[in-house]
C-alpha atoms as a PDB file:
ATOM      1  CA  UNK A   1     -13.499   2.653 -38.237  1.00  0.00           C
ATOM      2  CA  UNK A   2     -14.238  -0.786 -36.865  1.00  0.00           C
ATOM      3  CA  UNK A   3     -11.443  -3.288 -36.905  1.00  0.00           C
ATOM      4  CA  UNK A   4     -13.061  -5.782 -34.536  1.00  0.00           C
ATOM      5  CA  UNK A   5     -13.342  -9.398 -35.581  1.00  0.00           C
ATOM      6  CA  UNK A   6     -16.482 -10.881 -34.048  1.00  0.00           C
ATOM      7  CA  UNK A   7     -16.461  -8.233 -31.331  1.00  0.00           C
ATOM      8  CA  UNK A   8     -12.830  -8.818 -30.352  1.00  0.00           C
ATOM      9  CA  UNK A   9      -9.757  -6.729 -30.896  1.00  0.00           C
ATOM     10  CA  UNK A  10      -9.205  -3.012 -31.090  1.00  0.00           C
ATOM     11  CA  UNK A  11     -10.705  -0.414 -33.366  1.00  0.00           C
ATOM     12  CA  UNK A  12      -8.459   1.621 -35.646  1.00  0.00           C
ATOM     13  CA  UNK A  13      -8.997   4.584 -33.346  1.00  0.00           C
ATOM     14  CA  UNK A  14      -7.967   2.618 -30.264  1.00  0.00           C
ATOM     15  CA  UNK A  15      -4.852   1.293 -31.984  1.00  0.00           C
ATOM     16  CA  UNK A  16      -3.826   4.792 -33.051  1.00  0.00           C
ATOM     17  CA  UNK A  17      -4.490   6.206 -29.587  1.00  0.00           C
ATOM     18  CA  UNK A  18      -2.396   3.452 -28.008  1.00  0.00           C
ATOM     19  CA  UNK A  19       0.367   4.046 -30.559  1.00  0.00           C
ATOM     20  CA  UNK A  20       0.328   7.753 -29.731  1.00  0.00           C
ATOM     21  CA  UNK A  21       0.677   7.005 -26.010  1.00  0.00           C
ATOM     22  CA  UNK A  22       3.479   4.520 -26.649  1.00  0.00           C
ATOM     23  CA  UNK A  23       5.412   7.056 -28.729  1.00  0.00           C
ATOM     24  CA  UNK A  24       4.853   9.717 -26.082  1.00  0.00           C
ATOM     25  CA  UNK A  25       6.331   7.360 -23.490  1.00  0.00           C
ATOM     26  CA  UNK A  26       9.248   6.528 -25.777  1.00  0.00           C
ATOM     27  CA  UNK A  27       9.934  10.268 -26.281  1.00  0.00           C
ATOM     28  CA  UNK A  28       9.917  10.874 -22.517  1.00  0.00           C
ATOM     29  CA  UNK A  29      12.242   7.950 -21.919  1.00  0.00           C
ATOM     30  CA  UNK A  30      14.655   9.022 -24.641  1.00  0.00           C
ATOM     31  CA  UNK A  31      14.769  12.608 -23.401  1.00  0.00           C
ATOM     32  CA  UNK A  32      15.440  11.430 -19.869  1.00  0.00           C
ATOM     33  CA  UNK A  33      18.232   9.145 -21.073  1.00  0.00           C
ATOM     34  CA  UNK A  34      19.645  11.851 -23.327  1.00  0.00           C
ATOM     35  CA  UNK A  35      19.827  14.315 -20.441  1.00  0.00           C
ATOM     36  CA  UNK A  36      21.843  11.816 -18.423  1.00  0.00           C
ATOM     37  CA  UNK A  37      24.265  10.827 -21.194  1.00  0.00           C
ATOM     38  CA  UNK A  38      27.654  12.499 -21.354  1.00  0.00           C
ATOM     39  CA  UNK A  39      29.290  10.425 -24.105  1.00  0.00           C
ATOM     40  CA  UNK A  40      29.160  12.568 -27.263  1.00  0.00           C
ATOM     41  CA  UNK A  41      28.573   9.808 -29.803  1.00  0.00           C
ATOM     42  CA  UNK A  42      26.006   8.070 -27.624  1.00  0.00           C
ATOM     43  CA  UNK A  43      24.178  11.387 -27.137  1.00  0.00           C
ATOM     44  CA  UNK A  44      24.002  11.723 -30.914  1.00  0.00           C
ATOM     45  CA  UNK A  45      22.443   8.262 -31.193  1.00  0.00           C
ATOM     46  CA  UNK A  46      19.844   9.141 -28.547  1.00  0.00           C
ATOM     47  CA  UNK A  47      19.145  12.487 -30.250  1.00  0.00           C
ATOM     48  CA  UNK A  48      18.494  10.721 -33.557  1.00  0.00           C
ATOM     49  CA  UNK A  49      16.259   8.149 -31.859  1.00  0.00           C
ATOM     50  CA  UNK A  50      14.351  10.925 -30.105  1.00  0.00           C
ATOM     51  CA  UNK A  51      13.868  12.860 -33.353  1.00  0.00           C
ATOM     52  CA  UNK A  52      12.566   9.742 -35.105  1.00  0.00           C
ATOM     53  CA  UNK A  53      10.182   8.972 -32.249  1.00  0.00           C
ATOM     54  CA  UNK A  54       9.052  12.597 -32.040  1.00  0.00           C
ATOM     55  CA  UNK A  55       8.350  12.684 -35.790  1.00  0.00           C
ATOM     56  CA  UNK A  56       6.380   9.444 -35.558  1.00  0.00           C
ATOM     57  CA  UNK A  57       4.414  10.759 -32.577  1.00  0.00           C
ATOM     58  CA  UNK A  58       3.456  13.874 -34.538  1.00  0.00           C
ATOM     59  CA  UNK A  59       2.496  11.814 -37.588  1.00  0.00           C
ATOM     60  CA  UNK A  60       0.192   9.603 -35.510  1.00  0.00           C
ATOM     61  CA  UNK A  61      -1.312  12.732 -33.954  1.00  0.00           C
ATOM     62  CA  UNK A  62      -1.945  14.173 -37.436  1.00  0.00           C
ATOM     63  CA  UNK A  63      -3.739  10.982 -38.515  1.00  0.00           C
ATOM     64  CA  UNK A  64      -5.915  11.021 -35.394  1.00  0.00           C
ATOM     65  CA  UNK A  65      -6.677  14.721 -35.815  1.00  0.00           C
ATOM     66  CA  UNK A  66      -7.501  14.342 -39.522  1.00  0.00           C
ATOM     67  CA  UNK A  67     -10.109  11.719 -38.659  1.00  0.00           C
ATOM     68  CA  UNK A  68     -11.578  13.869 -35.887  1.00  0.00           C
ATOM     69  CA  UNK A  69     -10.402  11.423 -33.222  1.00  0.00           C
ATOM     70  CA  UNK A  70      -8.101  13.880 -31.453  1.00  0.00           C
ATOM     71  CA  UNK A  71      -9.376  17.344 -30.872  1.00  0.00           C
ATOM     72  CA  UNK A  72      -7.177  20.167 -29.702  1.00  0.00           C
ATOM     73  CA  UNK A  73      -8.101  23.705 -28.859  1.00  0.00           C
ATOM     74  CA  UNK A  74      -6.370  26.496 -30.763  1.00  0.00           C
ATOM     75  CA  UNK A  75      -4.873  29.022 -28.381  1.00  0.00           C
ATOM     76  CA  UNK A  76      -5.829  32.661 -28.772  1.00  0.00           C
ATOM     77  CA  UNK A  77      -2.950  35.043 -29.632  1.00  0.00           C
ATOM     78  CA  UNK A  78      -3.081  36.630 -26.164  1.00  0.00           C
ATOM     79  CA  UNK A  79      -2.844  33.193 -24.534  1.00  0.00           C
ATOM     80  CA  UNK A  80       0.265  32.450 -26.593  1.00  0.00           C
ATOM     81  CA  UNK A  81       1.782  35.792 -25.565  1.00  0.00           C
ATOM     82  CA  UNK A  82       0.981  35.105 -21.896  1.00  0.00           C
ATOM     83  CA  UNK A  83       2.647  31.699 -22.130  1.00  0.00           C
ATOM     84  CA  UNK A  84       5.706  33.217 -23.830  1.00  0.00           C
ATOM     85  CA  UNK A  85       5.998  35.875 -21.114  1.00  0.00           C
ATOM     86  CA  UNK A  86       5.628  33.269 -18.391  1.00  0.00           C
ATOM     87  CA  UNK A  87       8.317  31.055 -19.904  1.00  0.00           C
ATOM     88  CA  UNK A  88      10.689  33.981 -20.441  1.00  0.00           C
ATOM     89  CA  UNK A  89      10.213  35.122 -16.848  1.00  0.00           C
ATOM     90  CA  UNK A  90      10.869  31.645 -15.554  1.00  0.00           C
ATOM     91  CA  UNK A  91      13.935  30.900 -17.662  1.00  0.00           C
ATOM     92  CA  UNK A  92      15.940  33.185 -15.397  1.00  0.00           C
ATOM     93  CA  UNK A  93      14.270  32.891 -11.994  1.00  0.00           C
ATOM     94  CA  UNK A  94      17.049  34.893 -10.294  1.00  0.00           C
ATOM     95  CA  UNK A  95      16.231  37.879 -12.511  1.00  0.00           C
ATOM     96  CA  UNK A  96      12.533  37.433 -11.825  1.00  0.00           C
ATOM     97  CA  UNK A  97      13.023  37.356  -8.042  1.00  0.00           C
ATOM     98  CA  UNK A  98      15.511  40.224  -8.121  1.00  0.00           C
ATOM     99  CA  UNK A  99      12.892  42.437  -9.832  1.00  0.00           C
ATOM    100  CA  UNK A 100      10.213  41.551  -7.282  1.00  0.00           C
ATOM    101  CA  UNK A 101      12.323  42.081  -4.144  1.00  0.00           C
END
């Protein structure tokens, strides 16, 4: 795991964690730019860049997880269902408010 030279530098874990954060930031930036772009061909370029960055982000995550350096909790089926219901109810807030009035 150690990648330090005479106590200096970053460990492999630190480099991967930083890379993951950088890719996350790149994904956020690309999505934001994509949402504001109306030119069809330029949107396609941003979509491709986002997909590449998103794939790389997931790959880095998989490496971290495989080494036990990134732990995530597996959601229970009922938690997934609750999240799905919440999202569905909030996709059409007018319908949600109409039912509750």
